[in-house]
């Protein structure tokens, strides 16, 4: 997957999304992941945030600051 610039749209396996943050370090239960992309679908409180790691793919989905789906263990 190509690293997108902030504000542009990217096409992923999960649909078309807007890049909210690029090159971000994310810490979750499965570990710390560097150079992640945070992409959004929607706006405001209804927006869904997807965190995509370059080597592992989708690692977290959150909405309104609460995690909906999170990787616990990655091999």
N, C-alpha and C. Protein backbone atom coordinates (compact mmCIF):
# COMPACT_ATOMS: atom_id res chain seq x y z
N UNK A 1 0.84 -1.18 0.00
CA UNK A 1 0.00 0.00 0.00
C UNK A 1 0.88 1.23 0.00
N UNK A 2 0.50 2.22 -0.80
CA UNK A 2 1.25 3.46 -0.90
C UNK A 2 0.96 4.37 0.29
N UNK A 3 1.98 5.06 0.75
CA UNK A 3 1.80 6.03 1.83
C UNK A 3 1.20 7.29 1.22
N UNK A 4 0.01 7.66 1.66
CA UNK A 4 -0.68 8.83 1.12
C UNK A 4 -0.33 10.10 1.87
N UNK A 5 -0.58 11.23 1.21
CA UNK A 5 -0.39 12.51 1.87
C UNK A 5 -1.65 12.86 2.64
N UNK A 6 -1.51 13.63 3.70
CA UNK A 6 -2.64 14.02 4.54
C UNK A 6 -3.64 14.81 3.71
N UNK A 7 -4.92 14.42 3.82
CA UNK A 7 -5.98 15.09 3.10
C UNK A 7 -6.36 14.45 1.78
N UNK A 8 -5.54 13.55 1.28
CA UNK A 8 -5.84 12.88 0.01
C UNK A 8 -6.63 11.60 0.27
N UNK A 9 -7.24 11.09 -0.77
CA UNK A 9 -8.00 9.84 -0.67
C UNK A 9 -7.11 8.68 -1.12
N UNK A 10 -7.24 7.55 -0.43
CA UNK A 10 -6.52 6.35 -0.83
C UNK A 10 -7.51 5.21 -0.98
N UNK A 11 -7.19 4.30 -1.87
CA UNK A 11 -8.02 3.11 -2.07
C UNK A 11 -7.32 1.95 -1.37
N UNK A 12 -8.01 1.32 -0.42
CA UNK A 12 -7.45 0.18 0.30
C UNK A 12 -8.35 -1.03 0.09
N UNK A 13 -7.99 -2.13 0.69
CA UNK A 13 -8.82 -3.33 0.63
C UNK A 13 -10.14 -3.12 1.37
N UNK A 14 -10.18 -2.11 2.23
CA UNK A 14 -11.35 -1.86 3.06
C UNK A 14 -12.25 -0.76 2.50
N UNK A 15 -11.89 -0.18 1.37
CA UNK A 15 -12.68 0.87 0.74
C UNK A 15 -11.87 2.13 0.52
N UNK A 16 -12.53 3.18 0.02
CA UNK A 16 -11.86 4.46 -0.23
C UNK A 16 -11.92 5.30 1.04
N UNK A 17 -10.76 5.82 1.47
CA UNK A 17 -10.65 6.56 2.73
C UNK A 17 -9.85 7.83 2.54
N UNK A 18 -10.03 8.76 3.47
CA UNK A 18 -9.26 10.01 3.49
C UNK A 18 -8.16 9.87 4.53
N UNK A 19 -6.94 10.23 4.15
CA UNK A 19 -5.80 10.13 5.06
C UNK A 19 -5.86 11.27 6.07
N UNK A 20 -5.97 10.93 7.35
CA UNK A 20 -6.02 11.93 8.42
C UNK A 20 -4.63 12.18 9.00
N UNK A 21 -3.79 11.15 9.02
CA UNK A 21 -2.45 11.28 9.57
C UNK A 21 -1.56 10.22 8.92
N UNK A 22 -0.36 10.61 8.55
CA UNK A 22 0.58 9.68 7.94
C UNK A 22 1.85 9.64 8.78
N UNK A 23 2.54 8.53 8.72
CA UNK A 23 3.82 8.37 9.42
C UNK A 23 3.66 8.47 10.93
N UNK A 24 2.64 7.87 11.47
CA UNK A 24 2.32 7.96 12.90
C UNK A 24 2.76 6.69 13.62
N UNK A 25 3.21 6.84 14.86
CA UNK A 25 3.54 5.69 15.70
C UNK A 25 2.34 5.40 16.59
N UNK A 26 1.87 4.14 16.56
CA UNK A 26 0.67 3.74 17.29
C UNK A 26 1.04 2.64 18.28
N UNK A 27 0.60 2.78 19.53
CA UNK A 27 0.85 1.78 20.55
C UNK A 27 -0.48 1.14 20.94
N UNK A 28 -0.58 -0.19 20.74
CA UNK A 28 -1.77 -0.95 21.10
C UNK A 28 -1.32 -2.20 21.86
N UNK A 29 -2.27 -3.07 22.20
CA UNK A 29 -1.95 -4.29 22.96
C UNK A 29 -0.97 -5.20 22.24
N UNK A 30 -1.03 -5.23 20.92
CA UNK A 30 -0.16 -6.11 20.15
C UNK A 30 1.27 -5.58 20.04
N UNK A 31 1.49 -4.33 20.41
CA UNK A 31 2.83 -3.75 20.34
C UNK A 31 2.81 -2.34 19.81
N UNK A 32 3.99 -1.84 19.47
CA UNK A 32 4.13 -0.50 18.92
C UNK A 32 4.45 -0.60 17.44
N UNK A 33 3.71 0.14 16.64
CA UNK A 33 3.87 0.10 15.19
C UNK A 33 4.25 1.49 14.69
N UNK A 34 5.30 1.56 13.87
CA UNK A 34 5.78 2.83 13.34
C UNK A 34 5.33 3.01 11.90
N UNK A 35 5.31 4.25 11.45
CA UNK A 35 4.97 4.64 10.08
C UNK A 35 3.57 4.17 9.67
N UNK A 36 2.62 4.27 10.58
CA UNK A 36 1.23 3.87 10.29
C UNK A 36 0.47 5.01 9.64
N UNK A 37 -0.58 4.65 8.93
CA UNK A 37 -1.49 5.61 8.32
C UNK A 37 -2.79 5.56 9.11
N UNK A 38 -3.31 6.72 9.49
CA UNK A 38 -4.62 6.81 10.10
C UNK A 38 -5.54 7.37 9.03
N UNK A 39 -6.52 6.57 8.61
CA UNK A 39 -7.45 6.98 7.56
C UNK A 39 -8.86 7.02 8.12
N UNK A 40 -9.70 7.89 7.57
CA UNK A 40 -11.06 8.08 8.08
C UNK A 40 -12.09 7.85 6.99
N UNK A 41 -13.24 7.39 7.45
CA UNK A 41 -14.44 7.38 6.61
C UNK A 41 -15.48 8.17 7.39
N UNK A 42 -16.02 9.20 6.79
CA UNK A 42 -17.02 10.03 7.46
C UNK A 42 -16.39 11.23 8.14
N UNK A 43 -17.23 11.99 8.86
CA UNK A 43 -16.72 13.17 9.56
C UNK A 43 -17.45 13.34 10.88
N UNK A 44 -16.86 14.13 11.77
CA UNK A 44 -17.46 14.39 13.07
C UNK A 44 -17.42 13.18 13.98
N UNK A 45 -18.42 13.06 14.87
CA UNK A 45 -18.46 11.96 15.84
C UNK A 45 -18.75 10.61 15.18
N UNK A 46 -19.35 10.63 14.00
CA UNK A 46 -19.69 9.39 13.31
C UNK A 46 -18.53 8.83 12.48
N UNK A 47 -17.43 9.57 12.40
CA UNK A 47 -16.27 9.14 11.62
C UNK A 47 -15.67 7.87 12.21
N UNK A 48 -15.25 7.00 11.34
CA UNK A 48 -14.58 5.76 11.75
C UNK A 48 -13.13 5.85 11.32
N UNK A 49 -12.21 5.67 12.28
CA UNK A 49 -10.77 5.75 12.03
C UNK A 49 -10.18 4.36 11.86
N UNK A 50 -9.39 4.20 10.83
CA UNK A 50 -8.71 2.94 10.56
C UNK A 50 -7.21 3.18 10.67
N UNK A 51 -6.52 2.36 11.46
CA UNK A 51 -5.06 2.46 11.58
C UNK A 51 -4.48 1.30 10.78
N UNK A 52 -3.65 1.65 9.80
CA UNK A 52 -3.09 0.65 8.90
C UNK A 52 -1.57 0.67 9.02
N UNK A 53 -1.00 -0.47 9.40
CA UNK A 53 0.46 -0.60 9.52
C UNK A 53 1.00 -1.08 8.18
N UNK A 54 2.16 -0.58 7.75
CA UNK A 54 2.67 -0.92 6.41
C UNK A 54 2.93 -2.41 6.17
N UNK A 55 3.45 -3.13 7.17
CA UNK A 55 3.78 -4.54 6.96
C UNK A 55 2.67 -5.49 7.42
N UNK A 56 1.77 -5.02 8.26
CA UNK A 56 0.78 -5.91 8.86
C UNK A 56 -0.65 -5.67 8.39
N UNK A 57 -0.93 -4.53 7.82
CA UNK A 57 -2.28 -4.21 7.38
C UNK A 57 -3.08 -3.55 8.49
N UNK A 58 -4.38 -3.77 8.49
CA UNK A 58 -5.27 -3.14 9.45
C UNK A 58 -4.99 -3.66 10.86
N UNK A 59 -4.73 -2.73 11.81
CA UNK A 59 -4.45 -3.16 13.19
C UNK A 59 -5.45 -2.60 14.19
N UNK A 60 -6.19 -1.54 13.81
CA UNK A 60 -7.15 -0.97 14.76
C UNK A 60 -8.25 -0.20 14.03
N UNK A 61 -9.48 -0.30 14.56
CA UNK A 61 -10.61 0.50 14.10
C UNK A 61 -11.18 1.18 15.33
N UNK A 62 -11.40 2.49 15.24
CA UNK A 62 -11.97 3.21 16.38
C UNK A 62 -13.00 4.22 15.90
N UNK A 63 -13.90 4.54 16.82
CA UNK A 63 -14.91 5.56 16.55
C UNK A 63 -15.12 6.38 17.81
N UNK A 64 -15.09 7.71 17.66
CA UNK A 64 -15.31 8.63 18.76
C UNK A 64 -14.34 8.35 19.93
N UNK A 65 -13.10 8.00 19.63
CA UNK A 65 -12.09 7.78 20.65
C UNK A 65 -12.12 6.41 21.31
N UNK A 66 -13.08 5.56 20.94
CA UNK A 66 -13.19 4.22 21.54
C UNK A 66 -12.83 3.17 20.50
N UNK A 67 -12.00 2.23 20.90
CA UNK A 67 -11.57 1.17 20.00
C UNK A 67 -12.71 0.17 19.75
N UNK A 68 -12.99 -0.09 18.49
CA UNK A 68 -14.01 -1.07 18.11
C UNK A 68 -13.33 -2.43 17.87
N UNK A 69 -12.19 -2.38 17.19
CA UNK A 69 -11.45 -3.59 16.87
C UNK A 69 -9.97 -3.29 17.05
N UNK A 70 -9.26 -4.20 17.72
CA UNK A 70 -7.83 -3.98 17.95
C UNK A 70 -7.09 -5.29 17.90
N UNK A 71 -5.95 -5.28 17.24
CA UNK A 71 -5.11 -6.47 17.17
C UNK A 71 -4.54 -6.76 18.56
N UNK A 72 -4.61 -8.00 19.01
CA UNK A 72 -4.06 -8.38 20.30
C UNK A 72 -2.70 -9.06 20.14
N UNK A 73 -2.57 -9.85 19.08
CA UNK A 73 -1.33 -10.55 18.85
C UNK A 73 -1.08 -10.62 17.34
N UNK A 74 0.13 -10.30 16.94
CA UNK A 74 0.50 -10.36 15.51
C UNK A 74 1.73 -11.24 15.39
N UNK A 75 1.67 -12.22 14.52
CA UNK A 75 2.80 -13.14 14.33
C UNK A 75 3.74 -12.62 13.27
